[in-house]
Amino acid sequence: MEEFDYVIVGAGAAGCVLANRLSESGRNSVAIIEAGGKDNHIWIKIPAGFNKTVYNDKLNWGYETAPGPHIDNRRIKFPRGKVLGGSGSINGHLYVRGQAADYDMWAQLGCRGWSWTDVLPYFKRAESRIGGEDSVRGRSGPLRIEDQHDPHSLCFAFMAANEALGLKRTPDYNGGDQEGTLLYQQMMHSGRRWSPVDAYLRPILGRQNLKVIIHALVERVDLEGKRAVGITYRQDGRSRSIKARRDVILSGGAINSPQLLQISGIGNAEDLGAIGVAVKHALPGVGRNFRDHYAVRVSALVKGSGSLNERSRGVRLVGEVVRYVFTRKGLLASSPSHAGGYFKTRPGLETPDMQLYFAPASYGAGRYGTADLDTVPGMTLGASQLRPESTGHVKAVSADPTAKPEIQPNYLAVQIDRDALLSAMKYLRRLLATAPLADHVIRENFPGPEVQTDEQLMAHARATGSTTYHPVGTCKLGTDPMAVIDPQSMKVIGLEGLRVADASCMPRMVSGNTYAATNMIAEKAADLIQAA
């Protein structure tokens, strides 16, 4: 049986960081285990390939949510990366840290050592960034963070319309204060996606103290009493085991980490009993506290802009391919969202509670980012509440590790979430009617001018809103009775030799896309683990 100091489960946004940092000194042996395969699919490397990878069954776990009681009982596809790099190999590659207040709230909730002042050094350590202030931006880290090299003219019209409505231009929304309108920063390098593998794993594959195991589904964490001693995984139809001399570290994300704990006998006793798993360690918070950003969108038919829709077909597409090959710019170097903003939906708020998304493109029937671009020139505006109060759960439905878990986000369960989203939809409408963006609008085509009343707008939100792919919180850091992870050590509370470091650890949502915060968690966790 193989034996390593550290065994990491999941080679995604967090796992790749941990593999790099824990093997860096050469004193520790590290194994990292990934259920998916290599990240050599062509659409992973090309930024616009997001549309091709996000629902690709070969790169994805293929999850969907349980019927949502507050969204017309709809199920929503819920992609999670199943490939080296995890969701960091199929996501929209936007770099968003969130607000300083997010992390100060974590500290106030009992996660001492996780305030903005505490975590900022880890954000800086992780990145190589040109631009911004030295006090908040890193210059020599493995993550390449770039500005857009070829912004579309509609993005500037969008930002100017926001300014006309009183939202300032923000020079760097990743400095702790987000409020304003902006062009999104991207995890790219020379026109290609810069994934967790590119940043952290590929440069260290030659280390003799590191082993990468792919196409390996972890079946359980192996416990001896209250200590994790290794894991058992299935590969090529055979079960194999690996021993961990020091720690097993789960980095499977907000869906897979709680599921693995549950099928290993760690979690809420009632949940485990329902699937016939003996309770080895009762922790009621495992799988609870699930949060995600729920987004609504409007789209419009546009004129005089050369939208990406027009550039994605026929001779123009051929030209875009040639342009990308020789310059790494244009359509194929674009993100799902190009411009955006952060604003307050009501008076009295200390910080923004809403995120804006803008793309100079539109999709059939509003299927943002999940289908081919629309056949007519268009643009899409979207919004998601930054810190939703609605919470849900992730539950294993079987002891079988191949059985997809129940994912219930419980979107829009709380009235404050519904009120904020209603305000946001009205703001999106105001943007479409404000120059210079209005100068490009022929008509709104989704949801359409027939949708006017508050009731109709909320019906639109329930019927068409969707995930922004930001699940967090299901193994939260904290000191309260529902906490799962000790904030000072990343250990599963009450156990030895078992830690979790990924997006599931977030006690509350961060204000925006979750990759940057997940990366930071892993950077900090590596220090906490090695200091033990």
Protein backbone atom coordinates (compact mmCIF):
# COMPACT_ATOMS: atom_id res chain seq x y z
CA MET A 1 0.00 0.00 0.00
CA GLU A 2 1.33 3.43 -0.96
CA GLU A 3 1.92 5.97 1.80
CA PHE A 4 2.34 9.75 1.69
CA ASP A 5 2.55 12.53 4.23
CA TYR A 6 -0.42 14.32 2.67
CA VAL A 7 -3.20 12.91 0.51
CA ILE A 8 -5.25 15.58 -1.29
CA VAL A 9 -8.64 14.71 -2.76
CA GLY A 10 -9.51 16.92 -5.73
CA ALA A 11 -7.16 18.70 -8.15
CA GLY A 12 -9.15 21.90 -8.59
CA ALA A 13 -8.89 25.53 -7.53
CA ALA A 14 -7.78 24.54 -4.01
CA GLY A 15 -6.17 21.14 -4.51
CA CYS A 16 -3.61 22.34 -7.05
CA VAL A 17 -2.53 25.10 -4.67
CA LEU A 18 -2.12 22.65 -1.79
CA ALA A 19 -0.17 20.17 -3.90
CA ASN A 20 2.25 22.92 -4.86
CA ARG A 21 2.71 24.51 -1.45
CA LEU A 22 2.84 21.31 0.61
CA SER A 23 5.46 19.73 -1.66
CA GLU A 24 7.49 22.92 -2.07
CA SER A 25 10.07 22.31 0.66
CA GLY A 26 10.81 18.78 -0.51
CA ARG A 27 10.34 17.48 3.03
CA ASN A 28 6.79 16.19 2.51
CA SER A 29 5.51 13.54 0.14
CA VAL A 30 2.18 14.47 -1.46
CA ALA A 31 -0.41 12.58 -3.49
CA ILE A 32 -3.23 14.43 -5.23
CA ILE A 33 -6.18 12.44 -6.54
CA GLU A 34 -8.56 13.58 -9.28
CA ALA A 35 -11.66 11.78 -10.52
CA GLY A 36 -11.32 13.32 -13.98
CA GLY A 37 -8.56 13.16 -16.54
CA LYS A 38 -6.01 15.46 -18.13
CA ASP A 39 -6.83 19.06 -18.99
CA ASN A 40 -5.76 18.76 -22.63
CA HIS A 41 -9.15 19.44 -24.22
CA ILE A 42 -8.75 22.25 -26.77
CA TRP A 43 -11.73 24.24 -25.46
CA ILE A 44 -10.22 24.39 -21.97
CA LYS A 45 -7.34 26.46 -23.28
CA ILE A 46 -9.37 28.83 -25.46
CA PRO A 47 -11.18 31.36 -23.21
CA ALA A 48 -14.41 31.44 -25.23
CA GLY A 49 -14.49 27.64 -24.89
CA PHE A 50 -16.46 28.13 -21.67
CA ASN A 51 -19.61 27.64 -23.75
CA LYS A 52 -18.26 24.31 -24.98
CA THR A 53 -16.89 22.92 -21.71
CA VAL A 54 -19.36 23.95 -19.03
CA TYR A 55 -21.79 21.15 -19.90
CA ASN A 56 -19.37 18.72 -21.54
CA ASP A 57 -20.03 15.32 -19.96
CA LYS A 58 -16.39 14.33 -20.37
CA LEU A 59 -15.26 17.26 -18.23
CA ASN A 60 -18.17 17.54 -15.84
CA TRP A 61 -19.90 15.75 -12.96
CA GLY A 62 -23.25 16.41 -14.65
CA TYR A 63 -25.07 17.54 -11.52
CA GLU A 64 -28.42 19.29 -11.34
CA THR A 65 -30.34 20.80 -8.47
CA ALA A 66 -33.37 19.33 -6.78
CA PRO A 67 -36.66 21.03 -7.71
CA GLY A 68 -36.63 24.54 -6.28
CA PRO A 69 -39.79 25.34 -4.30
CA HIS A 70 -39.40 29.09 -4.90
CA ILE A 71 -38.40 28.90 -8.58
CA ASP A 72 -41.41 27.07 -10.00
CA ASN A 73 -40.03 23.68 -8.91
CA ARG A 74 -37.44 23.83 -11.66
CA ARG A 75 -34.29 21.77 -11.73
CA ILE A 76 -31.17 23.67 -12.82
CA LYS A 77 -28.10 22.14 -14.40
CA PHE A 78 -25.22 22.54 -11.96
CA PRO A 79 -21.86 21.98 -13.66
CA ARG A 80 -18.76 21.11 -11.63
CA GLY A 81 -15.44 20.36 -13.27
CA LYS A 82 -14.32 16.73 -13.40
CA VAL A 83 -10.85 17.20 -14.87
CA LEU A 84 -7.44 18.37 -13.71
CA GLY A 85 -8.06 21.94 -12.64
CA GLY A 86 -11.61 21.14 -11.56
CA SER A 87 -14.10 23.91 -12.16
CA GLY A 88 -11.10 26.21 -12.68
CA SER A 89 -10.66 24.48 -16.05
CA ILE A 90 -14.22 25.12 -17.24
CA ASN A 91 -15.28 28.35 -15.49
CA GLY A 92 -15.66 31.88 -16.85
CA HIS A 93 -12.12 32.82 -15.66
CA LEU A 94 -13.12 36.11 -14.00
CA TYR A 95 -11.00 37.18 -11.05
CA VAL A 96 -13.11 38.66 -8.24
CA ARG A 97 -11.93 38.75 -4.63
CA GLY A 98 -15.04 40.22 -3.03
CA GLN A 99 -15.27 43.02 -0.50
CA ALA A 100 -13.06 43.63 2.51
CA ALA A 101 -16.25 43.56 4.57
CA ASP A 102 -16.90 39.94 3.52
CA TYR A 103 -13.83 38.69 5.30
CA ASP A 104 -14.28 40.98 8.29
CA MET A 105 -17.71 39.35 8.65
CA TRP A 106 -16.06 35.91 8.66
CA ALA A 107 -13.90 37.04 11.54
CA GLN A 108 -16.93 38.41 13.40
CA LEU A 109 -18.65 35.04 12.97
CA GLY A 110 -15.86 33.36 14.91
CA CYS A 111 -13.26 32.77 12.20
CA ARG A 112 -10.43 34.68 13.82
CA GLY A 113 -7.50 35.09 11.49
CA TRP A 114 -9.74 35.42 8.42
CA SER A 115 -10.37 39.18 8.34
CA TRP A 116 -9.49 41.22 5.24
CA THR A 117 -6.20 42.26 6.82
CA ASP A 118 -5.41 38.60 7.54
CA VAL A 119 -6.25 37.21 4.10
CA LEU A 120 -4.91 40.03 1.91
CA PRO A 121 -1.31 38.71 2.04
CA TYR A 122 -2.54 35.41 0.59
CA PHE A 123 -4.40 37.11 -2.24
CA LYS A 124 -1.19 39.01 -2.99
CA ARG A 125 1.02 35.92 -2.73
CA ALA A 126 -1.14 34.11 -5.26
CA GLU A 127 -1.14 36.58 -8.13
CA SER A 128 0.95 38.23 -10.79
CA ARG A 129 -0.85 41.42 -11.64
CA ILE A 130 0.11 44.44 -13.71
CA GLY A 131 -1.78 47.46 -12.43
CA GLY A 132 -3.42 48.42 -9.17
CA GLU A 133 -1.79 49.52 -5.97
CA ASP A 134 1.15 47.62 -4.50
CA SER A 135 -0.57 47.68 -1.14
CA VAL A 136 -3.30 45.34 -2.38
CA ARG A 137 -1.98 43.64 -5.52
CA GLY A 138 0.62 40.91 -5.94
CA ARG A 139 3.35 40.99 -8.56
CA SER A 140 5.09 37.62 -8.57
CA GLY A 141 2.55 34.88 -7.78
CA PRO A 142 1.57 31.93 -9.97
CA LEU A 143 -1.90 33.26 -10.93
CA ARG A 144 -1.79 35.50 -14.02
CA ILE A 145 -4.41 38.26 -13.71
CA GLU A 146 -4.83 40.40 -16.81
CA ASP A 147 -7.01 43.21 -18.05
CA GLN A 148 -9.01 42.66 -21.21
CA HIS A 149 -6.84 43.43 -24.21
CA ASP A 150 -9.65 44.04 -26.68
CA PRO A 151 -12.82 45.33 -24.95
CA HIS A 152 -15.91 45.57 -27.12
CA SER A 153 -17.34 49.04 -27.75
CA LEU A 154 -20.65 48.00 -26.19
CA CYS A 155 -18.83 47.48 -22.88
CA PHE A 156 -17.93 51.17 -22.81
CA ALA A 157 -21.52 52.10 -23.61
CA PHE A 158 -22.68 49.89 -20.75
CA MET A 159 -20.26 51.50 -18.30
CA ALA A 160 -21.16 55.01 -19.49
CA ALA A 161 -24.85 54.25 -18.91
CA ASN A 162 -24.03 53.14 -15.38
CA GLU A 163 -22.13 56.37 -14.83
CA ALA A 164 -25.11 58.33 -16.10
CA LEU A 165 -27.18 56.61 -13.41
CA GLY A 166 -24.68 57.61 -10.72
CA LEU A 167 -22.42 54.55 -10.55
CA LYS A 168 -18.77 55.61 -10.68
CA ARG A 169 -16.02 53.93 -12.66
CA THR A 170 -13.86 51.88 -10.29
CA PRO A 171 -10.16 51.58 -11.13
CA ASP A 172 -9.66 48.27 -9.27
CA TYR A 173 -12.63 46.41 -7.84
CA ASN A 174 -10.26 43.85 -6.27
CA GLY A 175 -8.79 46.32 -3.79
CA GLY A 176 -11.45 45.66 -1.16
CA ASP A 177 -13.99 48.31 -2.24
CA GLN A 178 -16.05 47.11 -5.18
CA GLU A 179 -18.67 49.80 -5.71
CA GLY A 180 -18.74 51.08 -9.28
CA THR A 181 -18.79 49.94 -12.89
CA LEU A 182 -15.87 48.15 -14.50
CA LEU A 183 -14.25 45.83 -16.98
CA TYR A 184 -13.66 42.41 -15.42
CA GLN A 185 -10.13 41.18 -14.79
CA GLN A 186 -9.40 37.72 -16.15
CA MET A 187 -7.28 34.70 -15.29
CA MET A 188 -5.56 34.59 -18.65
CA HIS A 189 -2.08 34.70 -20.04
CA SER A 190 -1.35 35.67 -23.63
CA GLY A 191 -4.95 35.07 -24.67
CA ARG A 192 -5.26 31.63 -23.08
CA ARG A 193 -7.01 30.44 -19.94
CA TRP A 194 -4.68 30.37 -16.95
CA SER A 195 -6.10 27.52 -14.92
CA PRO A 196 -5.10 26.08 -11.50
CA VAL A 197 -3.08 23.49 -13.40
CA ASP A 198 -1.20 26.14 -15.36
CA ALA A 199 -0.54 28.19 -12.25
CA TYR A 200 0.23 25.59 -9.61
CA LEU A 201 0.40 22.01 -10.86
CA ARG A 202 2.05 21.82 -14.26
CA PRO A 203 5.21 23.67 -13.16
CA ILE A 204 5.86 21.10 -10.39
CA LEU A 205 5.07 17.81 -12.11
CA GLY A 206 8.76 16.95 -12.00
CA ARG A 207 8.94 16.98 -8.22
CA GLN A 208 9.93 13.56 -6.95
CA ASN A 209 7.84 13.97 -3.79
CA LEU A 210 4.59 14.54 -5.71
CA LYS A 211 2.30 12.00 -7.30
CA VAL A 212 -0.75 12.91 -9.39
CA ILE A 213 -3.40 10.21 -9.72
CA ILE A 214 -6.16 10.73 -12.29
CA HIS A 215 -9.35 8.87 -13.23
CA ALA A 216 -9.64 7.89 -9.57
CA LEU A 217 -12.96 8.19 -7.73
CA VAL A 218 -12.51 8.35 -3.96
CA GLU A 219 -14.95 5.99 -2.28
CA ARG A 220 -14.35 6.90 1.36
CA VAL A 221 -12.07 8.44 3.92
CA ASP A 222 -10.58 5.63 6.01
CA LEU A 223 -10.90 6.19 9.76
CA GLU A 224 -9.36 4.48 12.74
CA GLY A 225 -11.38 5.73 15.66
CA LYS A 226 -11.33 9.51 15.48
CA ARG A 227 -8.35 9.71 13.12
CA ALA A 228 -8.28 9.68 9.33
CA VAL A 229 -5.51 7.38 8.15
CA GLY A 230 -6.00 7.43 4.39
CA ILE A 231 -8.51 7.04 1.59
CA THR A 232 -9.87 4.28 -0.62
CA TYR A 233 -10.43 5.02 -4.29
CA ARG A 234 -11.57 3.17 -7.41
CA GLN A 235 -9.49 3.20 -10.56
CA ASP A 236 -9.74 0.92 -13.60
CA GLY A 237 -12.44 -1.10 -11.87
CA ARG A 238 -10.31 -1.85 -8.80
CA SER A 239 -10.38 -0.46 -5.28
CA ARG A 240 -7.04 0.79 -3.97
CA SER A 241 -5.99 2.43 -0.73
CA ILE A 242 -3.47 5.11 0.17
CA LYS A 243 -2.20 5.85 3.66
CA ALA A 244 -1.70 9.39 4.94
CA ARG A 245 1.01 9.75 7.56
CA ARG A 246 -0.09 13.26 8.47
CA ASP A 247 -3.35 14.36 6.84
CA VAL A 248 -6.07 13.61 4.35
CA ILE A 249 -7.15 16.95 2.85
CA LEU A 250 -10.49 17.22 1.04
CA SER A 251 -10.56 19.79 -1.76
CA GLY A 252 -13.47 18.50 -3.80
CA GLY A 253 -15.54 21.67 -3.50
CA ALA A 254 -18.90 22.56 -2.00
CA ILE A 255 -20.65 19.53 -3.53
CA ASN A 256 -18.13 16.70 -3.42
CA SER A 257 -16.43 17.39 -0.08
CA PRO A 258 -19.61 17.13 2.05
CA GLN A 259 -20.79 14.13 0.04
CA LEU A 260 -17.52 12.31 0.68
CA LEU A 261 -17.68 13.11 4.39
CA GLN A 262 -21.23 11.80 4.54
CA ILE A 263 -20.59 8.49 2.79
CA SER A 264 -17.55 8.07 5.06
CA GLY A 265 -19.79 8.28 8.14
CA ILE A 266 -19.12 11.91 9.03
CA GLY A 267 -22.10 14.24 9.20
CA ASN A 268 -25.63 14.73 10.42
CA ALA A 269 -26.75 11.49 12.08
CA GLU A 270 -30.23 11.68 10.57
CA ASP A 271 -28.86 12.21 7.05
CA LEU A 272 -26.47 9.28 7.42
CA GLY A 273 -29.18 7.01 8.79
CA ALA A 274 -31.36 7.80 5.79
CA ILE A 275 -28.74 6.31 3.44
CA GLY A 276 -27.73 3.41 5.65
CA VAL A 277 -24.30 4.74 6.62
CA ALA A 278 -23.10 4.10 10.16
CA VAL A 279 -22.27 7.26 12.09
CA LYS A 280 -18.54 7.37 12.79
CA HIS A 281 -18.45 11.03 13.73
CA ALA A 282 -21.58 13.15 14.18
CA LEU A 283 -21.31 16.68 12.77
CA PRO A 284 -24.70 18.28 12.10
CA GLY A 285 -23.36 21.03 9.82
CA VAL A 286 -21.95 18.81 7.08
CA GLY A 287 -23.81 19.64 3.88
CA ARG A 288 -25.76 22.50 5.43
CA ASN A 289 -25.28 26.28 4.94
CA PHE A 290 -25.26 25.88 1.14
CA ARG A 291 -25.31 29.23 -0.65
CA ASP A 292 -25.03 30.24 -4.28
CA HIS A 293 -25.52 33.34 -6.39
CA TYR A 294 -28.79 33.25 -8.35
CA ALA A 295 -28.76 35.44 -11.46
CA VAL A 296 -31.45 36.95 -13.66
CA ARG A 297 -30.82 38.37 -17.10
CA VAL A 298 -32.33 40.56 -19.78
CA SER A 299 -31.21 40.75 -23.38
CA ALA A 300 -31.80 43.17 -26.21
CA LEU A 301 -31.57 43.24 -29.97
CA VAL A 302 -28.88 45.75 -30.90
CA LYS A 303 -27.76 47.79 -33.89
CA GLY A 304 -24.52 49.26 -35.11
CA SER A 305 -22.28 47.36 -32.74
CA GLY A 306 -20.86 44.27 -34.41
CA SER A 307 -21.96 42.12 -31.47
CA LEU A 308 -20.27 38.81 -30.83
CA ASN A 309 -23.33 37.08 -32.27
CA GLU A 310 -22.51 38.53 -35.67
CA ARG A 311 -18.84 37.58 -35.34
CA SER A 312 -19.58 33.96 -34.44
CA ARG A 313 -20.82 32.77 -37.83
CA GLY A 314 -19.74 32.35 -41.41
CA VAL A 315 -16.89 34.34 -42.89
CA ARG A 316 -16.61 36.52 -39.78
CA LEU A 317 -16.02 33.47 -37.61
CA VAL A 318 -13.24 32.35 -39.93
CA GLY A 319 -11.71 35.78 -39.51
CA GLU A 320 -12.01 35.51 -35.73
CA VAL A 321 -10.24 32.15 -35.74
CA VAL A 322 -7.40 33.59 -37.82
CA ARG A 323 -7.22 36.63 -35.56
CA TYR A 324 -6.99 34.47 -32.46
CA VAL A 325 -4.31 32.22 -33.92
CA PHE A 326 -2.07 35.18 -34.75
CA THR A 327 -2.94 37.76 -32.08
CA ARG A 328 -4.71 35.86 -29.25
CA LYS A 329 -7.45 38.52 -29.36
CA GLY A 330 -11.05 38.81 -30.47
CA LEU A 331 -14.08 36.60 -30.01
CA LEU A 332 -12.18 33.47 -28.98
CA ALA A 333 -10.28 35.35 -26.25
CA SER A 334 -13.45 36.60 -24.58
CA SER A 335 -15.10 35.73 -21.26
CA PRO A 336 -18.79 35.01 -20.64
CA SER A 337 -19.01 38.41 -18.90
CA HIS A 338 -16.96 41.36 -20.13
CA ALA A 339 -18.09 44.34 -18.07
CA GLY A 340 -20.02 44.66 -14.86
CA GLY A 341 -20.53 46.59 -11.69
CA TYR A 342 -21.49 46.58 -8.03
CA PHE A 343 -24.29 48.72 -6.62
CA LYS A 344 -26.70 49.07 -3.71
CA THR A 345 -30.33 48.14 -4.29
CA ARG A 346 -31.65 50.23 -1.39
CA PRO A 347 -30.60 53.18 0.78
CA GLY A 348 -28.78 52.55 4.02
CA LEU A 349 -26.54 49.71 2.86
CA GLU A 350 -22.89 50.06 3.83
CA THR A 351 -21.59 48.18 0.77
CA PRO A 352 -23.02 46.99 -2.57
CA ASP A 353 -25.39 44.03 -2.46
CA MET A 354 -25.72 43.41 -6.21
CA GLN A 355 -23.31 42.36 -8.97
CA LEU A 356 -23.86 43.27 -12.62
CA TYR A 357 -22.78 41.27 -15.65
CA PHE A 358 -22.61 42.43 -19.24
CA ALA A 359 -21.79 40.63 -22.47
CA PRO A 360 -21.90 42.05 -26.01
CA ALA A 361 -23.70 38.85 -27.02
CA SER A 362 -27.01 37.11 -26.46
CA TYR A 363 -28.26 33.55 -26.40
CA GLY A 364 -31.38 31.82 -27.66
CA ALA A 365 -34.26 32.10 -25.16
CA GLY A 366 -31.89 33.64 -22.61
CA ARG A 367 -29.78 30.50 -22.15
CA TYR A 368 -26.79 32.55 -21.07
CA GLY A 369 -23.48 30.83 -21.60
CA THR A 370 -25.01 27.41 -22.19
CA ALA A 371 -25.80 27.31 -25.89
CA ASP A 372 -24.67 28.79 -29.18
CA LEU A 373 -25.01 32.54 -29.55
CA ASP A 374 -28.28 33.90 -30.88
CA THR A 375 -28.70 34.34 -34.61
CA VAL A 376 -29.52 38.06 -34.28
CA PRO A 377 -27.23 40.85 -32.97
CA GLY A 378 -27.68 41.13 -29.23
CA MET A 379 -26.37 41.92 -25.78
CA THR A 380 -27.08 40.52 -22.33
CA LEU A 381 -27.30 42.25 -18.96
CA GLY A 382 -27.47 40.25 -15.75
CA ALA A 383 -27.50 40.67 -11.99
CA SER A 384 -27.06 38.49 -8.93
CA GLN A 385 -27.45 39.29 -5.25
CA LEU A 386 -24.04 39.23 -3.63
CA ARG A 387 -24.84 37.84 -0.19
CA PRO A 388 -28.08 35.84 -0.34
CA GLU A 389 -29.81 34.91 2.90
CA SER A 390 -31.46 31.82 1.38
CA THR A 391 -29.58 28.67 2.32
CA GLY A 392 -29.90 25.06 1.22
CA HIS A 393 -28.07 21.77 1.52
CA VAL A 394 -26.10 19.00 -0.12
CA LYS A 395 -26.99 15.45 0.88
CA ALA A 396 -25.66 12.10 -0.25
CA VAL A 397 -28.60 10.01 -1.45
CA SER A 398 -26.74 6.71 -1.20
CA ALA A 399 -23.62 5.18 0.25
CA ASP A 400 -22.57 4.63 -3.37
CA PRO A 401 -19.94 7.27 -4.26
CA THR A 402 -21.11 7.28 -7.88
CA ALA A 403 -24.63 8.37 -6.92
CA LYS A 404 -25.15 12.08 -7.54
CA PRO A 405 -26.00 13.92 -4.33
CA GLU A 406 -29.12 15.97 -3.70
CA ILE A 407 -28.31 19.63 -4.28
CA GLN A 408 -30.96 22.02 -2.94
CA PRO A 409 -29.87 25.68 -3.12
CA ASN A 410 -33.29 26.89 -1.97
CA TYR A 411 -33.01 29.96 -4.18
CA LEU A 412 -35.26 32.95 -3.33
CA ALA A 413 -36.57 31.37 -0.14
CA VAL A 414 -36.06 34.61 1.84
CA GLN A 415 -38.00 37.78 1.07
CA ILE A 416 -34.95 40.07 1.22
CA ASP A 417 -33.43 38.07 -1.64
CA ARG A 418 -36.54 38.49 -3.74
CA ASP A 419 -36.73 42.22 -3.01
CA ALA A 420 -33.10 42.77 -3.98
CA LEU A 421 -33.49 40.87 -7.24
CA LEU A 422 -36.63 42.83 -8.15
CA SER A 423 -34.73 46.09 -7.65
CA ALA A 424 -31.91 44.76 -9.80
CA MET A 425 -34.22 43.84 -12.68
CA LYS A 426 -35.65 47.34 -12.66
CA TYR A 427 -32.13 48.74 -12.72
CA LEU A 428 -31.23 46.60 -15.73
CA ARG A 429 -34.25 48.01 -17.52
CA ARG A 430 -33.12 51.56 -16.65
CA LEU A 431 -29.70 50.79 -18.09
CA LEU A 432 -31.22 49.70 -21.39
CA ALA A 433 -33.09 53.00 -21.54
CA THR A 434 -30.05 55.16 -20.69
CA ALA A 435 -27.70 56.66 -23.26
CA PRO A 436 -25.28 55.77 -24.66
CA LEU A 437 -26.35 52.14 -24.21
CA ALA A 438 -29.89 53.01 -25.29
CA ASP A 439 -28.53 54.29 -28.59
CA HIS A 440 -27.69 50.70 -29.55
CA VAL A 441 -30.99 49.13 -28.49
CA ILE A 442 -33.57 48.15 -31.08
CA ARG A 443 -35.81 46.40 -28.54
CA GLU A 444 -35.67 44.20 -25.50
CA ASN A 445 -36.23 40.60 -26.56
CA PHE A 446 -35.90 38.81 -23.20
CA PRO A 447 -38.08 38.83 -21.19
CA GLY A 448 -39.76 41.34 -23.51
CA PRO A 449 -41.81 44.54 -23.15
CA GLU A 450 -44.94 42.65 -22.12
CA VAL A 451 -43.31 41.95 -18.74
CA GLN A 452 -43.88 45.12 -16.70
CA THR A 453 -45.38 44.67 -13.24
CA ASP A 454 -43.51 43.59 -10.14
CA GLU A 455 -45.40 40.32 -10.22
CA GLN A 456 -44.44 39.70 -13.84
CA LEU A 457 -40.79 40.54 -13.17
CA MET A 458 -40.67 38.14 -10.24
CA ALA A 459 -42.35 35.48 -12.33
CA HIS A 460 -39.57 36.01 -14.87
CA ALA A 461 -36.96 35.65 -12.12
CA ARG A 462 -38.51 32.42 -10.86
CA ALA A 463 -38.94 30.94 -14.34
CA THR A 464 -35.60 31.85 -15.93
CA GLY A 465 -33.05 32.67 -13.21
CA SER A 466 -30.11 30.35 -12.84
CA THR A 467 -26.94 29.55 -10.97
CA THR A 468 -23.76 31.54 -11.44
CA TYR A 469 -21.79 28.41 -10.52
CA HIS A 470 -20.69 29.72 -7.10
CA PRO A 471 -21.64 27.09 -4.48
CA VAL A 472 -20.07 27.54 -1.05
CA GLY A 473 -20.48 26.89 2.65
CA THR A 474 -21.29 23.21 3.08
CA CYS A 475 -18.32 22.51 5.40
CA LYS A 476 -18.11 25.93 6.93
CA LEU A 477 -15.35 27.36 9.06
CA GLY A 478 -16.47 28.47 12.49
CA THR A 479 -16.93 27.87 16.19
CA ASP A 480 -20.72 27.60 16.38
CA PRO A 481 -22.64 24.29 16.66
CA MET A 482 -23.09 24.03 12.87
CA ALA A 483 -19.41 24.63 12.07
CA VAL A 484 -17.52 21.78 10.40
CA ILE A 485 -13.96 23.13 10.09
CA ASP A 486 -11.73 24.66 12.75
CA PRO A 487 -10.64 28.10 11.43
CA GLN A 488 -7.21 27.85 13.06
CA SER A 489 -6.17 24.48 11.61
CA MET A 490 -8.59 23.52 8.79
CA LYS A 491 -9.26 20.28 10.69
CA VAL A 492 -12.66 18.65 10.66
CA ILE A 493 -13.87 19.48 14.16
CA GLY A 494 -13.47 16.53 16.50
CA LEU A 495 -11.22 14.49 14.21
CA GLU A 496 -7.49 14.18 13.68
CA GLY A 497 -5.71 13.77 10.37
CA LEU A 498 -8.63 15.12 8.30
CA ARG A 499 -8.86 18.63 6.92
CA VAL A 500 -10.97 20.43 4.34
CA ALA A 501 -9.77 23.38 2.27
CA ASP A 502 -11.99 24.56 -0.59
CA ALA A 503 -15.08 26.68 -1.29
CA SER A 504 -17.14 24.53 1.09
CA CYS A 505 -15.26 26.18 3.98
CA MET A 506 -16.67 29.67 3.40
CA PRO A 507 -18.94 30.56 6.33
CA ARG A 508 -20.76 33.16 4.18
CA MET A 509 -20.80 34.10 0.52
CA VAL A 510 -18.17 36.43 -0.81
CA SER A 511 -19.35 39.33 -2.93
CA GLY A 512 -18.74 37.93 -6.39
CA ASN A 513 -17.21 35.01 -8.24
CA THR A 514 -15.71 32.48 -5.86
CA TYR A 515 -12.51 31.28 -7.56
CA ALA A 516 -10.24 33.96 -6.08
CA ALA A 517 -11.49 33.36 -2.53
CA THR A 518 -11.10 29.59 -2.93
CA ASN A 519 -7.54 30.08 -4.12
CA MET A 520 -6.85 32.29 -1.10
CA ILE A 521 -8.31 29.70 1.28
CA ALA A 522 -5.93 27.08 -0.09
CA GLU A 523 -2.94 29.42 0.13
CA LYS A 524 -3.70 30.18 3.77
CA ALA A 525 -4.59 26.56 4.55
CA ALA A 526 -1.19 25.43 3.29
CA ASP A 527 0.48 27.64 5.89
CA LEU A 528 -1.85 26.51 8.68
CA ILE A 529 -1.31 22.84 7.83
CA GLN A 530 2.47 23.11 7.70
CA ALA A 531 2.55 25.04 10.96
CA ALA A 532 0.80 22.21 12.80
